[in-house]
PDB file of all heavy atoms in Angstrom:
ATOM      1  N   LEU A   1       8.207  -2.351  -6.674  1.00  0.00           N
ATOM      2  CA  LEU A   1       8.914  -3.612  -6.561  1.00  0.00           C
ATOM      3  C   LEU A   1      10.447  -3.340  -6.945  1.00  0.00           C
ATOM      4  O   LEU A   1      10.679  -2.913  -8.056  1.00  0.00           O
ATOM      5  CB  LEU A   1       8.347  -4.652  -7.490  1.00  0.00           C
ATOM      6  CG  LEU A   1       8.945  -5.937  -7.592  1.00  0.00           C
ATOM      7  CD1 LEU A   1       8.936  -6.689  -6.302  1.00  0.00           C
ATOM      8  CD2 LEU A   1       8.305  -6.752  -8.691  1.00  0.00           C
ATOM      9  N   LYS A   2      11.285  -3.638  -6.057  1.00  0.00           N
ATOM     10  CA  LYS A   2      12.808  -3.378  -6.270  1.00  0.00           C
ATOM     11  C   LYS A   2      13.520  -4.773  -6.182  1.00  0.00           C
ATOM     12  O   LYS A   2      13.437  -5.427  -5.168  1.00  0.00           O
ATOM     13  CB  LYS A   2      13.319  -2.409  -5.251  1.00  0.00           C
ATOM     14  CG  LYS A   2      14.785  -2.146  -5.392  1.00  0.00           C
ATOM     15  CD  LYS A   2      15.323  -1.239  -4.277  1.00  0.00           C
ATOM     16  CE  LYS A   2      15.426  -2.016  -2.939  1.00  0.00           C
ATOM     17  NZ  LYS A   2      15.859  -1.185  -1.802  1.00  0.00           N
ATOM     18  N   ILE A   3      14.163  -5.202  -7.310  1.00  0.00           N
ATOM     19  CA  ILE A   3      14.892  -6.408  -7.304  1.00  0.00           C
ATOM     20  C   ILE A   3      16.355  -6.192  -7.743  1.00  0.00           C
ATOM     21  O   ILE A   3      16.701  -5.447  -8.627  1.00  0.00           O
ATOM     22  CB  ILE A   3      14.236  -7.359  -8.303  1.00  0.00           C
ATOM     23  CG1 ILE A   3      12.722  -7.556  -7.986  1.00  0.00           C
ATOM     24  CG2 ILE A   3      14.940  -8.661  -8.394  1.00  0.00           C
ATOM     25  CD1 ILE A   3      12.055  -8.484  -8.975  1.00  0.00           C
ATOM     26  N   VAL A   4      17.173  -6.750  -6.910  1.00  0.00           N
ATOM     27  CA  VAL A   4      18.676  -6.632  -7.218  1.00  0.00           C
ATOM     28  C   VAL A   4      18.943  -7.492  -8.383  1.00  0.00           C
ATOM     29  O   VAL A   4      18.571  -8.685  -8.548  1.00  0.00           O
ATOM     30  CB  VAL A   4      19.396  -7.197  -6.010  1.00  0.00           C
ATOM     31  CG1 VAL A   4      20.973  -7.302  -6.392  1.00  0.00           C
ATOM     32  CG2 VAL A   4      19.201  -6.216  -4.799  1.00  0.00           C
ATOM     33  N   VAL A   5      19.748  -6.884  -9.294  1.00  0.00           N
ATOM     34  CA  VAL A   5      20.184  -7.687 -10.502  1.00  0.00           C
ATOM     35  C   VAL A   5      21.506  -8.289 -10.197  1.00  0.00           C
ATOM     36  O   VAL A   5      22.476  -7.700  -9.941  1.00  0.00           O
ATOM     37  CB  VAL A   5      20.396  -6.739 -11.761  1.00  0.00           C
ATOM     38  CG1 VAL A   5      20.793  -7.476 -12.961  1.00  0.00           C
ATOM     39  CG2 VAL A   5      19.052  -5.992 -12.027  1.00  0.00           C
ATOM     40  N   ASP A   6      21.485  -9.691 -10.160  1.00  0.00           N
ATOM     41  CA  ASP A   6      22.721 -10.514  -9.882  1.00  0.00           C
ATOM     42  C   ASP A   6      22.755 -11.627 -10.813  1.00  0.00           C
ATOM     43  O   ASP A   6      22.078 -11.687 -11.868  1.00  0.00           O
ATOM     44  CB  ASP A   6      22.732 -10.923  -8.413  1.00  0.00           C
ATOM     45  CG  ASP A   6      21.597 -11.755  -8.033  1.00  0.00           C
ATOM     46  OD1 ASP A   6      20.742 -12.060  -8.928  1.00  0.00           O
ATOM     47  OD2 ASP A   6      21.472 -12.051  -6.857  1.00  0.00           O
ATOM     48  N   GLU A   7      23.568 -12.601 -10.484  1.00  0.00           N
ATOM     49  CA  GLU A   7      23.732 -13.835 -11.431  1.00  0.00           C
ATOM     50  C   GLU A   7      22.379 -14.642 -11.392  1.00  0.00           C
ATOM     51  O   GLU A   7      22.194 -15.420 -12.353  1.00  0.00           O
ATOM     52  CB  GLU A   7      24.919 -14.629 -11.054  1.00  0.00           C
ATOM     53  CG  GLU A   7      24.734 -15.391  -9.700  1.00  0.00           C
ATOM     54  CD  GLU A   7      25.339 -14.531  -8.512  1.00  0.00           C
ATOM     55  OE1 GLU A   7      25.251 -13.294  -8.596  1.00  0.00           O
ATOM     56  OE2 GLU A   7      25.713 -15.167  -7.574  1.00  0.00           O
ATOM     57  N   HIS A   8      21.523 -14.511 -10.529  1.00  0.00           N
ATOM     58  CA  HIS A   8      20.291 -15.310 -10.315  1.00  0.00           C
ATOM     59  C   HIS A   8      19.069 -14.783 -11.098  1.00  0.00           C
ATOM     60  O   HIS A   8      18.300 -15.493 -11.576  1.00  0.00           O
ATOM     61  CB  HIS A   8      19.927 -15.439  -8.872  1.00  0.00           C
ATOM     62  CG  HIS A   8      21.011 -16.122  -8.037  1.00  0.00           C
ATOM     63  ND1 HIS A   8      21.495 -17.359  -8.280  1.00  0.00           N
ATOM     64  CD2 HIS A   8      21.771 -15.535  -7.035  1.00  0.00           C
ATOM     65  CE1 HIS A   8      22.469 -17.648  -7.446  1.00  0.00           C
ATOM     66  NE2 HIS A   8      22.635 -16.554  -6.668  1.00  0.00           N
ATOM     67  N   LEU A   9      18.937 -13.486 -11.190  1.00  0.00           N
ATOM     68  CA  LEU A   9      17.705 -12.815 -11.770  1.00  0.00           C
ATOM     69  C   LEU A   9      17.706 -13.170 -13.216  1.00  0.00           C
ATOM     70  O   LEU A   9      18.786 -13.041 -13.999  1.00  0.00           O
ATOM     71  CB  LEU A   9      17.774 -11.348 -11.546  1.00  0.00           C
ATOM     72  CG  LEU A   9      16.461 -10.655 -12.038  1.00  0.00           C
ATOM     73  CD1 LEU A   9      15.251 -11.173 -11.286  1.00  0.00           C
ATOM     74  CD2 LEU A   9      16.661  -9.128 -11.879  1.00  0.00           C
ATOM     75  N   ASN A  10      16.553 -13.584 -13.805  1.00  0.00           N
ATOM     76  CA  ASN A  10      16.422 -13.814 -15.187  1.00  0.00           C
ATOM     77  C   ASN A  10      15.000 -13.436 -15.691  1.00  0.00           C
ATOM     78  O   ASN A  10      14.165 -13.032 -14.903  1.00  0.00           O
ATOM     79  CB  ASN A  10      16.703 -15.291 -15.495  1.00  0.00           C
ATOM     80  CG  ASN A  10      15.782 -16.162 -14.704  1.00  0.00           C
ATOM     81  OD1 ASN A  10      14.588 -16.110 -14.780  1.00  0.00           O
ATOM     82  ND2 ASN A  10      16.389 -17.134 -13.939  1.00  0.00           N
ATOM     83  N   GLU A  11      14.751 -13.552 -16.970  1.00  0.00           N
ATOM     84  CA  GLU A  11      13.464 -13.094 -17.609  1.00  0.00           C
ATOM     85  C   GLU A  11      12.349 -14.007 -17.051  1.00  0.00           C
ATOM     86  O   GLU A  11      11.186 -13.454 -16.807  1.00  0.00           O
ATOM     87  CB  GLU A  11      13.539 -13.191 -19.077  1.00  0.00           C
ATOM     88  CG  GLU A  11      14.513 -12.226 -19.756  1.00  0.00           C
ATOM     89  CD  GLU A  11      14.408 -12.324 -21.216  1.00  0.00           C
ATOM     90  OE1 GLU A  11      13.528 -12.990 -21.812  1.00  0.00           O
ATOM     91  OE2 GLU A  11      15.276 -11.635 -21.923  1.00  0.00           O
ATOM     92  N   GLY A  12      12.551 -15.237 -16.742  1.00  0.00           N
ATOM     93  CA  GLY A  12      11.434 -16.074 -16.251  1.00  0.00           C
ATOM     94  C   GLY A  12      10.837 -15.597 -15.035  1.00  0.00           C
ATOM     95  O   GLY A  12       9.711 -15.630 -14.736  1.00  0.00           O
ATOM     96  N   ILE A  13      11.761 -15.057 -14.005  1.00  0.00           N
ATOM     97  CA  ILE A  13      11.313 -14.537 -12.808  1.00  0.00           C
ATOM     98  C   ILE A  13      10.463 -13.291 -13.033  1.00  0.00           C
ATOM     99  O   ILE A  13       9.366 -13.137 -12.549  1.00  0.00           O
ATOM    100  CB  ILE A  13      12.519 -14.211 -11.867  1.00  0.00           C
ATOM    101  CG1 ILE A  13      13.249 -15.507 -11.558  1.00  0.00           C
ATOM    102  CG2 ILE A  13      12.038 -13.457 -10.629  1.00  0.00           C
ATOM    103  CD1 ILE A  13      14.606 -15.312 -11.009  1.00  0.00           C
ATOM    104  N   LEU A  14      10.947 -12.421 -13.850  1.00  0.00           N
ATOM    105  CA  LEU A  14      10.205 -11.098 -14.176  1.00  0.00           C
ATOM    106  C   LEU A  14       8.960 -11.384 -15.016  1.00  0.00           C
ATOM    107  O   LEU A  14       8.072 -10.499 -15.010  1.00  0.00           O
ATOM    108  CB  LEU A  14      11.155 -10.101 -14.865  1.00  0.00           C
ATOM    109  CG  LEU A  14      12.306  -9.742 -14.094  1.00  0.00           C
ATOM    110  CD1 LEU A  14      13.136  -8.708 -14.914  1.00  0.00           C
ATOM    111  CD2 LEU A  14      11.930  -9.125 -12.706  1.00  0.00           C
ATOM    112  N   GLU A  15       8.702 -12.603 -15.527  1.00  0.00           N
ATOM    113  CA  GLU A  15       7.565 -12.938 -16.246  1.00  0.00           C
ATOM    114  C   GLU A  15       6.488 -13.585 -15.402  1.00  0.00           C
ATOM    115  O   GLU A  15       5.326 -13.901 -15.848  1.00  0.00           O
ATOM    116  CB  GLU A  15       7.865 -13.841 -17.378  1.00  0.00           C
ATOM    117  CG  GLU A  15       8.583 -13.151 -18.557  1.00  0.00           C
ATOM    118  CD  GLU A  15       9.153 -14.152 -19.566  1.00  0.00           C
ATOM    119  OE1 GLU A  15       9.134 -15.372 -19.270  1.00  0.00           O
ATOM    120  OE2 GLU A  15       9.480 -13.668 -20.697  1.00  0.00           O
ATOM    121  N   ARG A  16       6.756 -13.758 -14.109  1.00  0.00           N
ATOM    122  CA  ARG A  16       5.773 -14.435 -13.244  1.00  0.00           C
ATOM    123  C   ARG A  16       4.512 -13.518 -13.090  1.00  0.00           C
ATOM    124  O   ARG A  16       4.564 -12.311 -13.181  1.00  0.00           O
ATOM    125  CB  ARG A  16       6.375 -14.588 -11.752  1.00  0.00           C
ATOM    126  CG  ARG A  16       7.544 -15.628 -11.782  1.00  0.00           C
ATOM    127  CD  ARG A  16       8.108 -15.761 -10.445  1.00  0.00           C
ATOM    128  NE  ARG A  16       9.211 -16.731 -10.361  1.00  0.00           N
ATOM    129  CZ  ARG A  16       9.970 -17.094  -9.377  1.00  0.00           C
ATOM    130  NH1 ARG A  16       9.728 -16.539  -8.233  1.00  0.00           N
ATOM    131  NH2 ARG A  16      10.884 -17.957  -9.453  1.00  0.00           N
ATOM    132  N   GLU A  17       3.446 -14.277 -12.813  1.00  0.00           N
ATOM    133  CA  GLU A  17       2.074 -13.612 -12.810  1.00  0.00           C
ATOM    134  C   GLU A  17       2.029 -12.440 -11.814  1.00  0.00           C
ATOM    135  O   GLU A  17       1.462 -11.399 -12.053  1.00  0.00           O
ATOM    136  CB  GLU A  17       0.982 -14.629 -12.552  1.00  0.00           C
ATOM    137  CG  GLU A  17      -0.371 -14.068 -12.792  1.00  0.00           C
ATOM    138  CD  GLU A  17      -0.759 -13.818 -14.221  1.00  0.00           C
ATOM    139  OE1 GLU A  17      -0.110 -14.307 -15.089  1.00  0.00           O
ATOM    140  OE2 GLU A  17      -1.636 -12.964 -14.378  1.00  0.00           O
ATOM    141  N   TYR A  18       2.512 -12.695 -10.607  1.00  0.00           N
ATOM    142  CA  TYR A  18       2.389 -11.689  -9.534  1.00  0.00           C
ATOM    143  C   TYR A  18       3.314 -10.460  -9.773  1.00  0.00           C
ATOM    144  O   TYR A  18       3.167  -9.434  -9.057  1.00  0.00           O
ATOM    145  CB  TYR A  18       2.561 -12.285  -8.169  1.00  0.00           C
ATOM    146  CG  TYR A  18       3.977 -12.944  -7.905  1.00  0.00           C
ATOM    147  CD1 TYR A  18       5.097 -12.199  -7.433  1.00  0.00           C
ATOM    148  CD2 TYR A  18       4.188 -14.345  -8.141  1.00  0.00           C
ATOM    149  CE1 TYR A  18       6.246 -12.681  -7.227  1.00  0.00           C
ATOM    150  CE2 TYR A  18       5.444 -14.889  -7.961  1.00  0.00           C
ATOM    151  CZ  TYR A  18       6.473 -14.077  -7.471  1.00  0.00           C
ATOM    152  OH  TYR A  18       7.760 -14.663  -7.226  1.00  0.00           O
ATOM    153  N   ILE A  19       4.293 -10.581 -10.680  1.00  0.00           N
ATOM    154  CA  ILE A  19       5.122  -9.486 -10.928  1.00  0.00           C
ATOM    155  C   ILE A  19       4.561  -8.581 -12.116  1.00  0.00           C
ATOM    156  O   ILE A  19       4.927  -7.403 -12.114  1.00  0.00           O
ATOM    157  CB  ILE A  19       6.584  -9.972 -11.270  1.00  0.00           C
ATOM    158  CG1 ILE A  19       7.233 -10.493  -9.879  1.00  0.00           C
ATOM    159  CG2 ILE A  19       7.422  -8.944 -11.798  1.00  0.00           C
ATOM    160  CD1 ILE A  19       8.650 -11.050 -10.031  1.00  0.00           C
ATOM    161  N   ARG A  20       3.759  -9.210 -12.968  1.00  0.00           N
ATOM    162  CA  ARG A  20       3.260  -8.515 -14.108  1.00  0.00           C
ATOM    163  C   ARG A  20       2.619  -7.181 -13.753  1.00  0.00           C
ATOM    164  O   ARG A  20       2.883  -6.172 -14.568  1.00  0.00           O
ATOM    165  CB  ARG A  20       2.330  -9.401 -14.862  1.00  0.00           C
ATOM    166  CG  ARG A  20       1.768  -8.881 -16.166  1.00  0.00           C
ATOM    167  CD  ARG A  20       0.922  -9.825 -16.825  1.00  0.00           C
ATOM    168  NE  ARG A  20       1.521 -11.061 -17.150  1.00  0.00           N
ATOM    169  CZ  ARG A  20       0.963 -12.110 -17.535  1.00  0.00           C
ATOM    170  NH1 ARG A  20      -0.403 -12.162 -17.750  1.00  0.00           N
ATOM    171  NH2 ARG A  20       1.607 -13.195 -17.907  1.00  0.00           N
ATOM    172  N   PRO A  21       1.729  -7.111 -12.717  1.00  0.00           N
ATOM    173  CA  PRO A  21       1.119  -5.716 -12.476  1.00  0.00           C
ATOM    174  C   PRO A  21       2.238  -4.661 -12.251  1.00  0.00           C
ATOM    175  O   PRO A  21       1.942  -3.416 -12.667  1.00  0.00           O
ATOM    176  CB  PRO A  21       0.315  -5.999 -11.182  1.00  0.00           C
ATOM    177  CG  PRO A  21       0.022  -7.457 -11.221  1.00  0.00           C
ATOM    178  CD  PRO A  21       1.324  -8.095 -11.789  1.00  0.00           C
ATOM    179  N   PHE A  22       3.328  -4.925 -11.569  1.00  0.00           N
ATOM    180  CA  PHE A  22       4.383  -3.941 -11.358  1.00  0.00           C
ATOM    181  C   PHE A  22       4.978  -3.588 -12.667  1.00  0.00           C
ATOM    182  O   PHE A  22       5.360  -2.455 -12.877  1.00  0.00           O
ATOM    183  CB  PHE A  22       5.418  -4.504 -10.389  1.00  0.00           C
ATOM    184  CG  PHE A  22       4.874  -4.773  -9.007  1.00  0.00           C
ATOM    185  CD1 PHE A  22       4.406  -6.068  -8.632  1.00  0.00           C
ATOM    186  CD2 PHE A  22       4.833  -3.775  -7.973  1.00  0.00           C
ATOM    187  CE1 PHE A  22       3.864  -6.301  -7.372  1.00  0.00           C
ATOM    188  CE2 PHE A  22       4.340  -4.031  -6.853  1.00  0.00           C
ATOM    189  CZ  PHE A  22       3.867  -5.288  -6.516  1.00  0.00           C
ATOM    190  N   VAL A  23       5.143  -4.454 -13.545  1.00  0.00           N
ATOM    191  CA  VAL A  23       5.714  -4.271 -14.825  1.00  0.00           C
ATOM    192  C   VAL A  23       4.856  -3.319 -15.684  1.00  0.00           C
ATOM    193  O   VAL A  23       5.195  -2.307 -16.268  1.00  0.00           O
ATOM    194  CB  VAL A  23       6.007  -5.443 -15.680  1.00  0.00           C
ATOM    195  CG1 VAL A  23       6.380  -5.137 -17.113  1.00  0.00           C
ATOM    196  CG2 VAL A  23       7.076  -6.346 -14.903  1.00  0.00           C
ATOM    197  N   GLU A  24       3.533  -3.668 -15.677  1.00  0.00           N
ATOM    198  CA  GLU A  24       2.556  -2.972 -16.454  1.00  0.00           C
ATOM    199  C   GLU A  24       2.357  -1.518 -15.922  1.00  0.00           C
ATOM    200  O   GLU A  24       2.090  -0.607 -16.765  1.00  0.00           O
ATOM    201  CB  GLU A  24       1.212  -3.626 -16.328  1.00  0.00           C
ATOM    202  CG  GLU A  24       1.231  -5.047 -17.172  1.00  0.00           C
ATOM    203  CD  GLU A  24      -0.077  -5.767 -16.979  1.00  0.00           C
ATOM    204  OE1 GLU A  24      -0.855  -5.454 -16.095  1.00  0.00           O
ATOM    205  OE2 GLU A  24      -0.311  -6.765 -17.708  1.00  0.00           O
ATOM    206  N   LYS A  25       2.490  -1.305 -14.661  1.00  0.00           N
ATOM    207  CA  LYS A  25       2.308   0.026 -14.048  1.00  0.00           C
ATOM    208  C   LYS A  25       3.585   0.841 -13.932  1.00  0.00           C
ATOM    209  O   LYS A  25       3.594   2.004 -13.454  1.00  0.00           O
ATOM    210  CB  LYS A  25       1.651  -0.107 -12.698  1.00  0.00           C
ATOM    211  CG  LYS A  25       0.234  -0.693 -12.671  1.00  0.00           C
ATOM    212  CD  LYS A  25      -0.230  -0.849 -11.259  1.00  0.00           C
ATOM    213  CE  LYS A  25      -1.564  -1.526 -11.236  1.00  0.00           C
ATOM    214  NZ  LYS A  25      -2.133  -1.784  -9.884  1.00  0.00           N
ATOM    215  N   GLY A  26       4.698   0.267 -14.464  1.00  0.00           N
ATOM    216  CA  GLY A  26       5.983   0.912 -14.340  1.00  0.00           C
ATOM    217  C   GLY A  26       6.551   1.115 -12.991  1.00  0.00           C
ATOM    218  O   GLY A  26       7.150   2.054 -12.596  1.00  0.00           O
ATOM    219  N   LEU A  27       6.255   0.139 -12.105  1.00  0.00           N
ATOM    220  CA  LEU A  27       6.606   0.195 -10.781  1.00  0.00           C
ATOM    221  C   LEU A  27       7.806  -0.778 -10.390  1.00  0.00           C
ATOM    222  O   LEU A  27       8.042  -1.031  -9.258  1.00  0.00           O
ATOM    223  CB  LEU A  27       5.436  -0.136  -9.849  1.00  0.00           C
ATOM    224  CG  LEU A  27       4.236   0.824  -9.939  1.00  0.00           C
ATOM    225  CD1 LEU A  27       3.142   0.296  -9.098  1.00  0.00           C
ATOM    226  CD2 LEU A  27       4.640   2.167  -9.548  1.00  0.00           C
ATOM    227  N   LEU A  28       8.481  -1.234 -11.425  1.00  0.00           N
ATOM    228  CA  LEU A  28       9.633  -2.155 -11.221  1.00  0.00           C
ATOM    229  C   LEU A  28      10.949  -1.406 -11.259  1.00  0.00           C
ATOM    230  O   LEU A  28      11.249  -0.648 -12.192  1.00  0.00           O
ATOM    231  CB  LEU A  28       9.618  -3.238 -12.348  1.00  0.00           C
ATOM    232  CG  LEU A  28      10.797  -4.187 -12.248  1.00  0.00           C
ATOM    233  CD1 LEU A  28      10.852  -4.942 -11.050  1.00  0.00           C
ATOM    234  CD2 LEU A  28      10.685  -5.176 -13.514  1.00  0.00           C
ATOM    235  N   VAL A  29      11.686  -1.571 -10.208  1.00  0.00           N
ATOM    236  CA  VAL A  29      13.100  -0.966 -10.137  1.00  0.00           C
ATOM    237  C   VAL A  29      14.080  -2.162 -10.128  1.00  0.00           C
ATOM    238  O   VAL A  29      13.968  -3.106  -9.381  1.00  0.00           O
ATOM    239  CB  VAL A  29      13.214  -0.224  -8.780  1.00  0.00           C
ATOM    240  CG1 VAL A  29      14.720   0.265  -8.634  1.00  0.00           C
ATOM    241  CG2 VAL A  29      12.371   0.945  -8.786  1.00  0.00           C
ATOM    242  N   LEU A  30      15.015  -2.021 -11.025  1.00  0.00           N
ATOM    243  CA  LEU A  30      16.151  -2.999 -11.159  1.00  0.00           C
ATOM    244  C   LEU A  30      17.364  -2.342 -10.617  1.00  0.00           C
ATOM    245  O   LEU A  30      17.773  -1.152 -11.009  1.00  0.00           O
ATOM    246  CB  LEU A  30      16.335  -3.375 -12.546  1.00  0.00           C
ATOM    247  CG  LEU A  30      15.184  -4.203 -13.231  1.00  0.00           C
ATOM    248  CD1 LEU A  30      15.583  -4.516 -14.671  1.00  0.00           C
ATOM    249  CD2 LEU A  30      14.903  -5.427 -12.382  1.00  0.00           C
ATOM    250  N   GLN A  31      17.964  -2.960  -9.562  1.00  0.00           N
ATOM    251  CA  GLN A  31      19.080  -2.422  -8.858  1.00  0.00           C
ATOM    252  C   GLN A  31      20.356  -3.282  -9.041  1.00  0.00           C
ATOM    253  O   GLN A  31      20.410  -4.374  -8.463  1.00  0.00           O
ATOM    254  CB  GLN A  31      18.750  -2.203  -7.370  1.00  0.00           C
ATOM    255  CG  GLN A  31      19.892  -1.642  -6.516  1.00  0.00           C
ATOM    256  CD  GLN A  31      19.489  -1.530  -5.049  1.00  0.00           C
ATOM    257  OE1 GLN A  31      18.611  -0.684  -4.753  1.00  0.00           O
ATOM    258  NE2 GLN A  31      20.053  -2.333  -4.144  1.00  0.00           N
ATOM    259  N   PRO A  32      21.240  -2.848  -9.883  1.00  0.00           N
ATOM    260  CA  PRO A  32      22.459  -3.740 -10.180  1.00  0.00           C
ATOM    261  C   PRO A  32      23.185  -3.920  -8.903  1.00  0.00           C
ATOM    262  O   PRO A  32      23.321  -2.987  -8.107  1.00  0.00           O
ATOM    263  CB  PRO A  32      23.239  -2.832 -11.221  1.00  0.00           C
ATOM    264  CG  PRO A  32      22.197  -2.074 -11.876  1.00  0.00           C
ATOM    265  CD  PRO A  32      21.153  -1.663 -10.783  1.00  0.00           C
ATOM    266  N   LEU A  33      23.727  -5.094  -8.693  1.00  0.00           N
ATOM    267  CA  LEU A  33      24.391  -5.525  -7.531  1.00  0.00           C
ATOM    268  C   LEU A  33      25.647  -4.575  -7.236  1.00  0.00           C
ATOM    269  O   LEU A  33      26.401  -4.284  -8.268  1.00  0.00           O
ATOM    270  CB  LEU A  33      24.856  -6.947  -7.596  1.00  0.00           C
ATOM    271  CG  LEU A  33      25.731  -7.521  -6.494  1.00  0.00           C
ATOM    272  CD1 LEU A  33      24.890  -7.594  -5.224  1.00  0.00           C
ATOM    273  CD2 LEU A  33      26.287  -8.902  -6.864  1.00  0.00           C
ATOM    274  N   TRP A  34      25.793  -4.126  -6.036  1.00  0.00           N
ATOM    275  CA  TRP A  34      27.028  -3.364  -5.626  1.00  0.00           C
ATOM    276  C   TRP A  34      27.777  -4.334  -4.813  1.00  0.00           C
ATOM    277  O   TRP A  34      27.423  -5.048  -3.813  1.00  0.00           O
ATOM    278  CB  TRP A  34      26.571  -2.236  -4.706  1.00  0.00           C
ATOM    279  CG  TRP A  34      27.714  -1.434  -4.101  1.00  0.00           C
ATOM    280  CD1 TRP A  34      28.433  -1.772  -3.066  1.00  0.00           C
ATOM    281  CD2 TRP A  34      28.366  -0.207  -4.625  1.00  0.00           C
ATOM    282  NE1 TRP A  34      29.437  -0.876  -2.731  1.00  0.00           N
ATOM    283  CE2 TRP A  34      29.381   0.050  -3.739  1.00  0.00           C
ATOM    284  CE3 TRP A  34      28.045   0.574  -5.681  1.00  0.00           C
ATOM    285  CZ2 TRP A  34      30.161   1.236  -3.913  1.00  0.00           C
ATOM    286  CZ3 TRP A  34      28.827   1.696  -5.882  1.00  0.00           C
ATOM    287  CH2 TRP A  34      29.880   2.033  -5.045  1.00  0.00           C
ATOM    288  N   GLU A  35      29.054  -4.548  -5.276  1.00  0.00           N
ATOM    289  CA  GLU A  35      29.941  -5.602  -4.596  1.00  0.00           C
ATOM    290  C   GLU A  35      31.365  -5.089  -4.770  1.00  0.00           C
ATOM    291  O   GLU A  35      31.823  -4.692  -5.822  1.00  0.00           O
ATOM    292  CB  GLU A  35      29.752  -6.881  -5.425  1.00  0.00           C
ATOM    293  CG  GLU A  35      30.431  -8.048  -4.653  1.00  0.00           C
ATOM    294  CD  GLU A  35      30.177  -9.396  -5.313  1.00  0.00           C
ATOM    295  OE1 GLU A  35      30.336  -9.493  -6.563  1.00  0.00           O
ATOM    296  OE2 GLU A  35      29.716 -10.318  -4.698  1.00  0.00           O
ATOM    297  N   ASN A  36      32.080  -5.108  -3.612  1.00  0.00           N
ATOM    298  CA  ASN A  36      33.433  -4.774  -3.449  1.00  0.00           C
ATOM    299  C   ASN A  36      33.751  -3.378  -4.030  1.00  0.00           C
ATOM    300  O   ASN A  36      34.723  -3.173  -4.794  1.00  0.00           O
ATOM    301  CB  ASN A  36      34.353  -5.854  -4.197  1.00  0.00           C
ATOM    302  CG  ASN A  36      34.232  -7.229  -3.542  1.00  0.00           C
ATOM    303  OD1 ASN A  36      34.076  -7.312  -2.370  1.00  0.00           O
ATOM    304  ND2 ASN A  36      34.162  -8.206  -4.464  1.00  0.00           N
ATOM    305  N   GLY A  37      32.821  -2.402  -3.800  1.00  0.00           N
ATOM    306  CA  GLY A  37      32.980  -1.025  -4.216  1.00  0.00           C
ATOM    307  C   GLY A  37      32.705  -0.756  -5.615  1.00  0.00           C
ATOM    308  O   GLY A  37      33.074   0.347  -6.051  1.00  0.00           O
ATOM    309  N   SER A  38      32.021  -1.603  -6.328  1.00  0.00           N
ATOM    310  CA  SER A  38      31.702  -1.228  -7.712  1.00  0.00           C
ATOM    311  C   SER A  38      30.318  -1.877  -8.094  1.00  0.00           C
ATOM    312  O   SER A  38      29.881  -2.814  -7.392  1.00  0.00           O
ATOM    313  CB  SER A  38      32.773  -1.735  -8.689  1.00  0.00           C
ATOM    314  OG  SER A  38      32.909  -3.175  -8.619  1.00  0.00           O
ATOM    315  N   VAL A  39      29.755  -1.401  -9.175  1.00  0.00           N
ATOM    316  CA  VAL A  39      28.516  -1.871  -9.661  1.00  0.00           C
ATOM    317  C   VAL A  39      28.641  -3.030 -10.615  1.00  0.00           C
ATOM    318  O   VAL A  39      29.558  -2.968 -11.446  1.00  0.00           O
ATOM    319  CB  VAL A  39      27.690  -0.709 -10.354  1.00  0.00           C
ATOM    320  CG1 VAL A  39      26.431  -1.259 -10.927  1.00  0.00           C
ATOM    321  CG2 VAL A  39      27.556   0.436  -9.365  1.00  0.00           C
ATOM    322  N   LYS A  40      27.875  -4.045 -10.439  1.00  0.00           N
ATOM    323  CA  LYS A  40      27.945  -5.268 -11.193  1.00  0.00           C
ATOM    324  C   LYS A  40      26.649  -5.459 -12.122  1.00  0.00           C
ATOM    325  O   LYS A  40      25.643  -4.865 -11.769  1.00  0.00           O
ATOM    326  CB  LYS A  40      28.130  -6.566 -10.388  1.00  0.00           C
ATOM    327  CG  LYS A  40      29.309  -6.420  -9.366  1.00  0.00           C
ATOM    328  CD  LYS A  40      30.631  -6.439 -10.009  1.00  0.00           C
ATOM    329  CE  LYS A  40      31.732  -6.498  -8.876  1.00  0.00           C
ATOM    330  NZ  LYS A  40      33.115  -6.465  -9.531  1.00  0.00           N
TER     331      LYS A  40
END
């Protein structure tokens, strides 16, 4: 599970029931937003 980290992502989203198995199994990738040539 790969989710872009931007202004919208928050803890409540990552606490959702269907995301929990990915968290428990270490299968969550957080990808900071790339914008205008730099990482945000």
